[in-house]
Amino acid sequence: MRKSMLLLLLTPLFLAGCSTTSASQNTTTSTVKQSEITTKQISGWTYKSGEKPVKIINNDKPSNIKKTDFDQSHIDYSGLDNLNRTKTATAYLTRNNLGRSNTRTEQVWRPTGWHNEPKYVDNMRVIPQNRGHLIAYTMTFNLNKSGQTQQGELGSIDNPYNLFTQTEFSNQKTMTQVEQKVRDALAQNKKVIYKVTPIFRGQELMARGVWVQAISTDGSLKFNRYLWNIQNNIEFDYATGRSKVDRNLKVPAVSNAHQKNYHHYKKQRNYKHTN
């Protein structure tokens, strides 16, 4: 009888101990998964109207780039996949790569999902798509089309390995914000590793978003974010890139009030202030 009573008294303690262990393991697992997140996991995310247009990953700490990996200035382009979709580009940048040229050439490459059909929302003409650069044109100077150092090169404009179909909002608002962080660091003569990956779901031709990470070799710049490839009042068919007006789809506004101008520091021909 005494043994039975003792077991009854101890049972809640056993259960409490199990619960504490389980909760601790779940917390640890969540943290590990967050720091080791994959493109496949991200591709399963779906934007919901009214959500913030940017997701912070791993507390804004880069998941798979390290400041000690910096070699010399160059860009590693991963090329195109079997559907001609742009893949990851990783840039190793210095102040020498900042610039803007008045001889900017026309863009003719049509990235997958390119159906830039103007829409009218409340009598306002909307251009829903841009040719988005993985590595911003203004930080690709003195690098050739293959991403290797070549003094005098005027930047990557129409490089198929550096272009993807991006919404006007993502390209000109949220992407500009992270690019500005990189440009600020480069202008301060810092060395930066900047990794950009368009995220496609399955066989879709238009990216659902773009995963951006950066770190400077002095550790002062760090970010790890997912930018949704979305547009206010526009619904995209990501399988094709076509779009239609949807006034129920709301994307919160983003301000780029702190955007600055930068120039190419080596005063070479046709170079001028950058945006």
C-alpha atoms as a PDB file:
ATOM      1  CA  MET A   1       0.000   0.000   0.000  1.00  0.00           C
ATOM      2  CA  ARG A   2       2.839   2.338   0.949  1.00  0.00           C
ATOM      3  CA  LYS A   3       4.592   1.571  -2.375  1.00  0.00           C
ATOM      4  CA  SER A   4       1.426   2.408  -4.306  1.00  0.00           C
ATOM      5  CA  MET A   5       1.046   5.714  -2.459  1.00  0.00           C
ATOM      6  CA  LEU A   6       4.717   6.601  -3.099  1.00  0.00           C
ATOM      7  CA  LEU A   7       4.339   5.961  -6.829  1.00  0.00           C
ATOM      8  CA  LEU A   8       1.256   8.164  -6.973  1.00  0.00           C
ATOM      9  CA  LEU A   9       3.129  10.987  -5.251  1.00  0.00           C
ATOM     10  CA  LEU A  10       6.181  10.726  -7.527  1.00  0.00           C
ATOM     11  CA  THR A  11       4.278  10.448 -10.836  1.00  0.00           C
ATOM     12  CA  PRO A  12       3.593  14.231 -11.189  1.00  0.00           C
ATOM     13  CA  LEU A  13       7.292  14.915 -10.620  1.00  0.00           C
ATOM     14  CA  PHE A  14       8.251  12.483 -13.378  1.00  0.00           C
ATOM     15  CA  LEU A  15       5.760  14.090 -15.734  1.00  0.00           C
ATOM     16  CA  ALA A  16       6.965  17.576 -14.870  1.00  0.00           C
ATOM     17  CA  GLY A  17      10.539  16.501 -15.542  1.00  0.00           C
ATOM     18  CA  CYS A  18       9.548  15.145 -18.974  1.00  0.00           C
ATOM     19  CA  SER A  19       7.730  18.347 -19.869  1.00  0.00           C
ATOM     20  CA  THR A  20      10.711  20.521 -18.938  1.00  0.00           C
ATOM     21  CA  THR A  21      13.093  18.427 -21.049  1.00  0.00           C
ATOM     22  CA  SER A  22      10.756  18.446 -24.040  1.00  0.00           C
ATOM     23  CA  ALA A  23      10.314  22.225 -23.968  1.00  0.00           C
ATOM     24  CA  SER A  24      14.079  22.730 -23.758  1.00  0.00           C
ATOM     25  CA  GLN A  25      14.678  20.472 -26.758  1.00  0.00           C
ATOM     26  CA  ASN A  26      12.031  22.276 -28.815  1.00  0.00           C
ATOM     27  CA  THR A  27      13.659  25.631 -28.080  1.00  0.00           C
ATOM     28  CA  THR A  28      17.077  24.337 -29.082  1.00  0.00           C
ATOM     29  CA  THR A  29      15.781  22.700 -32.255  1.00  0.00           C
ATOM     30  CA  SER A  30      14.024  25.876 -33.322  1.00  0.00           C
ATOM     31  CA  THR A  31      17.248  27.870 -32.977  1.00  0.00           C
ATOM     32  CA  VAL A  32      19.291  25.335 -34.938  1.00  0.00           C
ATOM     33  CA  LYS A  33      16.735  25.158 -37.732  1.00  0.00           C
ATOM     34  CA  GLN A  34      16.659  28.945 -37.954  1.00  0.00           C
ATOM     35  CA  SER A  35      20.447  29.202 -38.350  1.00  0.00           C
ATOM     36  CA  GLU A  36      20.585  26.341 -40.835  1.00  0.00           C
ATOM     37  CA  ILE A  37      17.579  27.290 -42.929  1.00  0.00           C
ATOM     38  CA  THR A  38      17.600  26.143 -46.559  1.00  0.00           C
ATOM     39  CA  THR A  39      16.315  27.557 -49.817  1.00  0.00           C
ATOM     40  CA  LYS A  40      13.869  24.651 -50.027  1.00  0.00           C
ATOM     41  CA  GLN A  41      12.365  25.592 -46.667  1.00  0.00           C
ATOM     42  CA  ILE A  42      12.063  29.236 -47.643  1.00  0.00           C
ATOM     43  CA  SER A  43      10.431  28.324 -50.970  1.00  0.00           C
ATOM     44  CA  GLY A  44       7.526  26.871 -48.996  1.00  0.00           C
ATOM     45  CA  TRP A  45       6.701  30.221 -47.404  1.00  0.00           C
ATOM     46  CA  THR A  46       3.644  32.058 -48.763  1.00  0.00           C
ATOM     47  CA  TYR A  47       3.028  35.773 -48.388  1.00  0.00           C
ATOM     48  CA  LYS A  48      -0.241  36.850 -46.789  1.00  0.00           C
ATOM     49  CA  SER A  49      -1.834  40.219 -47.405  1.00  0.00           C
ATOM     50  CA  GLY A  50      -0.782  42.833 -44.870  1.00  0.00           C
ATOM     51  CA  GLU A  51       2.336  41.001 -43.666  1.00  0.00           C
ATOM     52  CA  LYS A  52       5.643  42.815 -43.443  1.00  0.00           C
ATOM     53  CA  PRO A  53       7.511  42.692 -46.780  1.00  0.00           C
ATOM     54  CA  VAL A  54      10.777  41.586 -45.126  1.00  0.00           C
ATOM     55  CA  LYS A  55      11.535  38.588 -42.903  1.00  0.00           C
ATOM     56  CA  ILE A  56      14.546  38.666 -40.573  1.00  0.00           C
ATOM     57  CA  ILE A  57      16.371  35.316 -40.536  1.00  0.00           C
ATOM     58  CA  ASN A  58      18.595  34.033 -37.711  1.00  0.00           C
ATOM     59  CA  ASN A  59      18.364  37.336 -35.795  1.00  0.00           C
ATOM     60  CA  ASP A  60      19.843  39.118 -38.835  1.00  0.00           C
ATOM     61  CA  LYS A  61      23.084  37.136 -38.588  1.00  0.00           C
ATOM     62  CA  PRO A  62      24.348  35.533 -41.837  1.00  0.00           C
ATOM     63  CA  SER A  63      23.676  31.809 -42.026  1.00  0.00           C
ATOM     64  CA  ASN A  64      26.309  30.606 -44.486  1.00  0.00           C
ATOM     65  CA  ILE A  65      28.889  33.312 -45.174  1.00  0.00           C
ATOM     66  CA  LYS A  66      31.825  34.239 -42.944  1.00  0.00           C
ATOM     67  CA  LYS A  67      33.948  37.386 -42.832  1.00  0.00           C
ATOM     68  CA  THR A  68      37.104  35.264 -42.904  1.00  0.00           C
ATOM     69  CA  ASP A  69      36.166  33.945 -46.365  1.00  0.00           C
ATOM     70  CA  PHE A  70      37.002  37.225 -48.116  1.00  0.00           C
ATOM     71  CA  ASP A  71      39.685  36.790 -50.765  1.00  0.00           C
ATOM     72  CA  GLN A  72      40.015  39.414 -53.472  1.00  0.00           C
ATOM     73  CA  SER A  73      37.326  41.462 -55.154  1.00  0.00           C
ATOM     74  CA  HIS A  74      35.165  39.295 -57.429  1.00  0.00           C
ATOM     75  CA  ILE A  75      31.653  37.856 -57.918  1.00  0.00           C
ATOM     76  CA  ASP A  76      30.834  34.158 -58.010  1.00  0.00           C
ATOM     77  CA  TYR A  77      27.854  33.754 -60.337  1.00  0.00           C
ATOM     78  CA  SER A  78      26.157  30.361 -60.122  1.00  0.00           C
ATOM     79  CA  GLY A  79      24.755  30.698 -63.645  1.00  0.00           C
ATOM     80  CA  LEU A  80      21.357  29.467 -64.812  1.00  0.00           C
ATOM     81  CA  ASP A  81      19.512  26.269 -63.978  1.00  0.00           C
ATOM     82  CA  ASN A  82      17.832  23.918 -66.471  1.00  0.00           C
ATOM     83  CA  LEU A  83      14.832  26.291 -66.685  1.00  0.00           C
ATOM     84  CA  ASN A  84      17.127  29.290 -67.380  1.00  0.00           C
ATOM     85  CA  ARG A  85      16.405  30.689 -63.914  1.00  0.00           C
ATOM     86  CA  THR A  86      19.102  32.766 -62.251  1.00  0.00           C
ATOM     87  CA  LYS A  87      20.821  31.174 -59.267  1.00  0.00           C
ATOM     88  CA  THR A  88      22.892  32.493 -56.351  1.00  0.00           C
ATOM     89  CA  ALA A  89      25.486  35.235 -56.771  1.00  0.00           C
ATOM     90  CA  THR A  90      28.080  35.842 -54.056  1.00  0.00           C
ATOM     91  CA  ALA A  91      30.057  39.079 -54.286  1.00  0.00           C
ATOM     92  CA  TYR A  92      33.334  39.938 -52.576  1.00  0.00           C
ATOM     93  CA  LEU A  93      33.385  43.720 -52.785  1.00  0.00           C
ATOM     94  CA  THR A  94      35.541  46.745 -51.992  1.00  0.00           C
ATOM     95  CA  ARG A  95      35.193  50.488 -52.527  1.00  0.00           C
ATOM     96  CA  ASN A  96      36.799  49.971 -55.943  1.00  0.00           C
ATOM     97  CA  ASN A  97      33.559  48.318 -57.082  1.00  0.00           C
ATOM     98  CA  LEU A  98      31.311  51.340 -56.462  1.00  0.00           C
ATOM     99  CA  GLY A  99      30.300  53.416 -59.449  1.00  0.00           C
ATOM    100  CA  ARG A 100      27.784  54.636 -61.972  1.00  0.00           C
ATOM    101  CA  SER A 101      28.250  55.258 -65.695  1.00  0.00           C
ATOM    102  CA  ASN A 102      26.602  57.623 -68.164  1.00  0.00           C
ATOM    103  CA  THR A 103      27.118  54.962 -70.838  1.00  0.00           C
ATOM    104  CA  ARG A 104      24.664  52.534 -69.204  1.00  0.00           C
ATOM    105  CA  THR A 105      23.509  50.135 -71.908  1.00  0.00           C
ATOM    106  CA  GLU A 106      19.966  48.962 -72.625  1.00  0.00           C
ATOM    107  CA  GLN A 107      18.714  45.804 -70.946  1.00  0.00           C
ATOM    108  CA  VAL A 108      17.432  43.252 -73.448  1.00  0.00           C
ATOM    109  CA  TRP A 109      17.733  39.967 -71.536  1.00  0.00           C
ATOM    110  CA  ARG A 110      14.338  38.513 -70.630  1.00  0.00           C
ATOM    111  CA  PRO A 111      14.675  36.622 -67.326  1.00  0.00           C
ATOM    112  CA  THR A 112      12.234  33.783 -66.657  1.00  0.00           C
ATOM    113  CA  GLY A 113       8.760  34.933 -65.647  1.00  0.00           C
ATOM    114  CA  TRP A 114       9.130  38.205 -67.553  1.00  0.00           C
ATOM    115  CA  HIS A 115       5.639  39.483 -68.464  1.00  0.00           C
ATOM    116  CA  ASN A 116       5.895  43.171 -67.746  1.00  0.00           C
ATOM    117  CA  GLU A 117       2.313  44.083 -68.577  1.00  0.00           C
ATOM    118  CA  PRO A 118       1.217  47.506 -67.210  1.00  0.00           C
ATOM    119  CA  LYS A 119      -1.815  47.479 -64.912  1.00  0.00           C
ATOM    120  CA  TYR A 120      -4.227  50.211 -63.835  1.00  0.00           C
ATOM    121  CA  VAL A 121      -5.083  50.517 -60.165  1.00  0.00           C
ATOM    122  CA  ASP A 122      -7.495  53.343 -59.301  1.00  0.00           C
ATOM    123  CA  ASN A 123      -6.669  55.006 -62.635  1.00  0.00           C
ATOM    124  CA  MET A 124      -2.944  54.873 -61.848  1.00  0.00           C
ATOM    125  CA  ARG A 125      -0.645  53.069 -64.306  1.00  0.00           C
ATOM    126  CA  VAL A 126       1.486  50.471 -62.533  1.00  0.00           C
ATOM    127  CA  ILE A 127       4.559  48.750 -63.994  1.00  0.00           C
ATOM    128  CA  PRO A 128       4.566  45.557 -61.908  1.00  0.00           C
ATOM    129  CA  GLN A 129       7.941  44.073 -62.895  1.00  0.00           C
ATOM    130  CA  ASN A 130      11.562  45.190 -63.125  1.00  0.00           C
ATOM    131  CA  ARG A 131      14.719  43.442 -64.247  1.00  0.00           C
ATOM    132  CA  GLY A 132      16.231  43.027 -60.807  1.00  0.00           C
ATOM    133  CA  HIS A 133      19.992  42.711 -60.327  1.00  0.00           C
ATOM    134  CA  LEU A 134      21.178  40.145 -57.811  1.00  0.00           C
ATOM    135  CA  ILE A 135      24.284  42.243 -57.213  1.00  0.00           C
ATOM    136  CA  ALA A 136      23.385  45.893 -57.734  1.00  0.00           C
ATOM    137  CA  TYR A 137      24.810  47.454 -60.881  1.00  0.00           C
ATOM    138  CA  THR A 138      26.335  50.271 -58.794  1.00  0.00           C
ATOM    139  CA  MET A 139      28.603  47.833 -56.935  1.00  0.00           C
ATOM    140  CA  THR A 140      29.865  45.780 -59.888  1.00  0.00           C
ATOM    141  CA  PHE A 141      32.375  48.234 -61.399  1.00  0.00           C
ATOM    142  CA  ASN A 142      35.851  47.041 -62.402  1.00  0.00           C
ATOM    143  CA  LEU A 143      34.504  43.489 -62.650  1.00  0.00           C
ATOM    144  CA  ASN A 144      33.832  41.756 -65.969  1.00  0.00           C
ATOM    145  CA  LYS A 145      30.784  39.710 -66.979  1.00  0.00           C
ATOM    146  CA  SER A 146      32.315  36.628 -65.366  1.00  0.00           C
ATOM    147  CA  GLY A 147      32.772  38.520 -62.109  1.00  0.00           C
ATOM    148  CA  GLN A 148      36.564  38.753 -62.301  1.00  0.00           C
ATOM    149  CA  THR A 149      38.588  41.916 -61.684  1.00  0.00           C
ATOM    150  CA  GLN A 150      39.068  44.016 -64.818  1.00  0.00           C
ATOM    151  CA  GLN A 151      39.833  47.696 -64.319  1.00  0.00           C
ATOM    152  CA  GLY A 152      37.682  50.033 -66.399  1.00  0.00           C
ATOM    153  CA  GLU A 153      34.632  47.752 -66.667  1.00  0.00           C
ATOM    154  CA  LEU A 154      31.496  49.833 -66.180  1.00  0.00           C
ATOM    155  CA  GLY A 155      29.282  47.461 -64.224  1.00  0.00           C
ATOM    156  CA  SER A 156      26.949  44.516 -64.771  1.00  0.00           C
ATOM    157  CA  ILE A 157      23.877  45.787 -66.625  1.00  0.00           C
ATOM    158  CA  ASP A 158      22.509  43.070 -68.912  1.00  0.00           C
ATOM    159  CA  ASN A 159      24.237  39.981 -67.555  1.00  0.00           C
ATOM    160  CA  PRO A 160      21.829  36.967 -67.595  1.00  0.00           C
ATOM    161  CA  TYR A 161      23.620  35.534 -64.543  1.00  0.00           C
ATOM    162  CA  ASN A 162      22.815  38.697 -62.581  1.00  0.00           C
ATOM    163  CA  LEU A 163      19.170  39.348 -63.538  1.00  0.00           C
ATOM    164  CA  PHE A 164      15.831  37.988 -62.379  1.00  0.00           C
ATOM    165  CA  THR A 165      12.214  39.100 -62.658  1.00  0.00           C
ATOM    166  CA  GLN A 166      11.552  41.262 -59.618  1.00  0.00           C
ATOM    167  CA  THR A 167       8.522  43.309 -58.679  1.00  0.00           C
ATOM    168  CA  GLU A 168       8.855  47.068 -58.848  1.00  0.00           C
ATOM    169  CA  PHE A 169       8.242  47.278 -55.080  1.00  0.00           C
ATOM    170  CA  SER A 170      10.832  44.647 -54.162  1.00  0.00           C
ATOM    171  CA  ASN A 171      13.420  46.101 -56.537  1.00  0.00           C
ATOM    172  CA  GLN A 172      12.978  49.772 -55.713  1.00  0.00           C
ATOM    173  CA  LYS A 173      12.050  49.611 -52.035  1.00  0.00           C
ATOM    174  CA  THR A 174      13.131  46.631 -49.926  1.00  0.00           C
ATOM    175  CA  MET A 175      16.074  45.616 -52.141  1.00  0.00           C
ATOM    176  CA  THR A 176      17.308  49.197 -52.271  1.00  0.00           C
ATOM    177  CA  GLN A 177      17.390  49.297 -48.480  1.00  0.00           C
ATOM    178  CA  VAL A 178      19.765  46.351 -48.122  1.00  0.00           C
ATOM    179  CA  GLU A 179      21.851  47.473 -51.098  1.00  0.00           C
ATOM    180  CA  GLN A 180      22.251  50.858 -49.428  1.00  0.00           C
ATOM    181  CA  LYS A 181      23.667  49.172 -46.338  1.00  0.00           C
ATOM    182  CA  VAL A 182      26.285  47.479 -48.515  1.00  0.00           C
ATOM    183  CA  ARG A 183      27.104  50.683 -50.398  1.00  0.00           C
ATOM    184  CA  ASP A 184      27.468  52.594 -47.129  1.00  0.00           C
ATOM    185  CA  ALA A 185      29.970  50.032 -45.869  1.00  0.00           C
ATOM    186  CA  LEU A 186      31.931  50.024 -49.140  1.00  0.00           C
ATOM    187  CA  ALA A 187      32.042  53.833 -49.176  1.00  0.00           C
ATOM    188  CA  GLN A 188      33.672  53.627 -45.733  1.00  0.00           C
ATOM    189  CA  ASN A 189      36.392  51.449 -47.287  1.00  0.00           C
ATOM    190  CA  LYS A 190      35.126  48.230 -45.720  1.00  0.00           C
ATOM    191  CA  LYS A 191      35.318  44.840 -47.439  1.00  0.00           C
ATOM    192  CA  VAL A 192      31.952  43.116 -47.784  1.00  0.00           C
ATOM    193  CA  ILE A 193      30.727  39.648 -48.704  1.00  0.00           C
ATOM    194  CA  TYR A 194      27.217  39.935 -50.149  1.00  0.00           C
ATOM    195  CA  LYS A 195      25.205  36.834 -51.074  1.00  0.00           C
ATOM    196  CA  VAL A 196      21.910  36.987 -52.979  1.00  0.00           C
ATOM    197  CA  THR A 197      19.655  34.027 -53.859  1.00  0.00           C
ATOM    198  CA  PRO A 198      16.352  34.258 -55.751  1.00  0.00           C
ATOM    199  CA  ILE A 199      13.899  31.776 -54.238  1.00  0.00           C
ATOM    200  CA  PHE A 200      11.776  29.735 -56.654  1.00  0.00           C
ATOM    201  CA  ARG A 201       9.120  27.219 -55.649  1.00  0.00           C
ATOM    202  CA  GLY A 202       9.247  23.995 -57.654  1.00  0.00           C
ATOM    203  CA  GLN A 203       9.233  24.698 -61.390  1.00  0.00           C
ATOM    204  CA  GLU A 204       7.866  28.238 -61.102  1.00  0.00           C
ATOM    205  CA  LEU A 205       9.499  30.808 -63.369  1.00  0.00           C
ATOM    206  CA  MET A 206       9.162  33.886 -61.160  1.00  0.00           C
ATOM    207  CA  ALA A 207      10.885  34.026 -57.777  1.00  0.00           C
ATOM    208  CA  ARG A 208       8.696  34.158 -54.669  1.00  0.00           C
ATOM    209  CA  GLY A 209      11.323  36.314 -53.012  1.00  0.00           C
ATOM    210  CA  VAL A 210      15.033  36.933 -52.660  1.00  0.00           C
ATOM    211  CA  TRP A 211      17.298  35.877 -49.778  1.00  0.00           C
ATOM    212  CA  VAL A 212      19.994  38.460 -49.019  1.00  0.00           C
ATOM    213  CA  GLN A 213      22.921  38.116 -46.626  1.00  0.00           C
ATOM    214  CA  ALA A 214      25.952  40.318 -46.022  1.00  0.00           C
ATOM    215  CA  ILE A 215      28.892  40.624 -43.666  1.00  0.00           C
ATOM    216  CA  SER A 216      31.849  43.004 -43.606  1.00  0.00           C
ATOM    217  CA  THR A 217      35.292  41.726 -42.679  1.00  0.00           C
ATOM    218  CA  ASP A 218      35.382  44.053 -39.650  1.00  0.00           C
ATOM    219  CA  GLY A 219      32.024  42.674 -38.477  1.00  0.00           C
ATOM    220  CA  SER A 220      30.292  46.071 -38.425  1.00  0.00           C
ATOM    221  CA  LEU A 221      27.807  45.112 -41.164  1.00  0.00           C
ATOM    222  CA  LYS A 222      25.616  42.040 -40.827  1.00  0.00           C
ATOM    223  CA  PHE A 223      22.212  41.152 -42.164  1.00  0.00           C
ATOM    224  CA  ASN A 224      20.238  38.062 -43.162  1.00  0.00           C
ATOM    225  CA  ARG A 225      16.815  38.740 -44.666  1.00  0.00           C
ATOM    226  CA  TYR A 226      14.144  37.430 -46.982  1.00  0.00           C
ATOM    227  CA  LEU A 227      12.500  40.017 -49.222  1.00  0.00           C
ATOM    228  CA  TRP A 228       9.104  39.012 -50.562  1.00  0.00           C
ATOM    229  CA  ASN A 229       8.734  39.499 -54.336  1.00  0.00           C
ATOM    230  CA  ILE A 230       5.370  41.225 -54.075  1.00  0.00           C
ATOM    231  CA  GLN A 231       3.478  44.323 -55.196  1.00  0.00           C
ATOM    232  CA  ASN A 232       0.634  46.213 -53.566  1.00  0.00           C
ATOM    233  CA  ASN A 233      -2.733  45.505 -55.255  1.00  0.00           C
ATOM    234  CA  ILE A 234      -1.129  43.081 -57.724  1.00  0.00           C
ATOM    235  CA  GLU A 235      -1.442  39.293 -57.605  1.00  0.00           C
ATOM    236  CA  PHE A 236       1.222  37.272 -59.419  1.00  0.00           C
ATOM    237  CA  ASP A 237       1.026  33.823 -60.911  1.00  0.00           C
ATOM    238  CA  TYR A 238       4.560  32.782 -59.970  1.00  0.00           C
ATOM    239  CA  ALA A 239       4.392  29.779 -62.294  1.00  0.00           C
ATOM    240  CA  THR A 240       4.358  32.117 -65.293  1.00  0.00           C
ATOM    241  CA  GLY A 241       5.075  35.630 -64.007  1.00  0.00           C
ATOM    242  CA  ARG A 242       1.757  36.998 -65.265  1.00  0.00           C
ATOM    243  CA  SER A 243      -0.242  39.261 -62.980  1.00  0.00           C
ATOM    244  CA  LYS A 244      -3.658  40.776 -62.340  1.00  0.00           C
ATOM    245  CA  VAL A 245      -5.096  43.543 -60.185  1.00  0.00           C
ATOM    246  CA  ASP A 246      -6.200  42.446 -56.712  1.00  0.00           C
ATOM    247  CA  ARG A 247      -7.233  45.356 -54.489  1.00  0.00           C
ATOM    248  CA  ASN A 248      -7.475  43.019 -51.497  1.00  0.00           C
ATOM    249  CA  LEU A 249      -3.748  42.291 -51.578  1.00  0.00           C
ATOM    250  CA  LYS A 250      -2.065  44.876 -49.382  1.00  0.00           C
ATOM    251  CA  VAL A 251       1.675  45.412 -48.965  1.00  0.00           C
ATOM    252  CA  PRO A 252       2.784  47.894 -46.288  1.00  0.00           C
ATOM    253  CA  ALA A 253       4.612  50.923 -47.654  1.00  0.00           C
ATOM    254  CA  VAL A 254       8.389  51.259 -47.259  1.00  0.00           C
ATOM    255  CA  SER A 255      10.343  54.499 -47.191  1.00  0.00           C
ATOM    256  CA  ASN A 256      13.823  54.896 -48.661  1.00  0.00           C
ATOM    257  CA  ALA A 257      14.378  58.361 -47.272  1.00  0.00           C
ATOM    258  CA  HIS A 258      18.032  57.722 -46.412  1.00  0.00           C
ATOM    259  CA  GLN A 259      19.223  56.763 -49.884  1.00  0.00           C
ATOM    260  CA  LYS A 260      22.518  58.498 -50.743  1.00  0.00           C
ATOM    261  CA  ASN A 261      24.696  59.154 -53.745  1.00  0.00           C
ATOM    262  CA  TYR A 262      28.108  57.575 -54.214  1.00  0.00           C
ATOM    263  CA  HIS A 263      30.739  58.129 -56.843  1.00  0.00           C
ATOM    264  CA  HIS A 264      33.426  55.859 -58.213  1.00  0.00           C
ATOM    265  CA  TYR A 265      36.544  56.866 -56.364  1.00  0.00           C
ATOM    266  CA  LYS A 266      39.033  56.327 -59.167  1.00  0.00           C
ATOM    267  CA  LYS A 267      37.783  59.098 -61.503  1.00  0.00           C
ATOM    268  CA  GLN A 268      37.928  57.053 -64.678  1.00  0.00           C
ATOM    269  CA  ARG A 269      36.190  57.857 -67.950  1.00  0.00           C
ATOM    270  CA  ASN A 270      32.382  57.991 -68.026  1.00  0.00           C
ATOM    271  CA  TYR A 271      32.034  57.504 -64.276  1.00  0.00           C
ATOM    272  CA  LYS A 272      29.821  59.772 -62.203  1.00  0.00           C
ATOM    273  CA  HIS A 273      27.800  59.834 -58.989  1.00  0.00           C
ATOM    274  CA  THR A 274      25.846  56.708 -58.136  1.00  0.00           C
ATOM    275  CA  ASN A 275      22.419  56.067 -56.709  1.00  0.00           C
END
